[in-house]
Amino acid sequence: MSLATDILKRANSDLSPPSKSIRADYMGLAIRKKAKRAAPKGPRLNRKKGKTVKYVAPKHEHVAGVAFNSRNNTWDAYFYDGIKTIRIGMFHTQARALIARRIYMYWRKCGFDNIPNKPEKRLYTMRNYSDKS
């Protein structure tokens, strides 16, 4: 026993802490408010949802089949053939995108369906780019 306990025993005082009434516990729970949650801080946590716009389109005249791509500051050339939209490419200027679209439309008028603009990639083969064959 400690000295404090011995002194309290000799003074005939109650050693146990006072008990709380059952009603007081329920009232305490009813009075307590729900804790408010603070908004998370940081650049990525509070970002606005939606389309990210990095660049604003310069003043331009509307041209069918050419649109400004604000995510990477380029002009997209596209063509709708009635079934699906064919994306021709991305260009630095609106004029170049328009020229590419006109060439594609001429190509389609000549009866071709696809522009061979990419070499065929063969999987699981080593490419030797210095080879001229």
Foldseek 3Di string as FASTA:
>chain_A
DDPVVVVCVVVVHDPDDDDDDPVVVVVVVVPDDDDDDDQDDDDPRPDDDDDDFQADDDDDDDDPQWDADRVVQWIWGWDDPPPDIGTQDTHNDRVVSVVSNVVVVVVVVVPDDDDPPDDDDDPPDDDDVVDPD
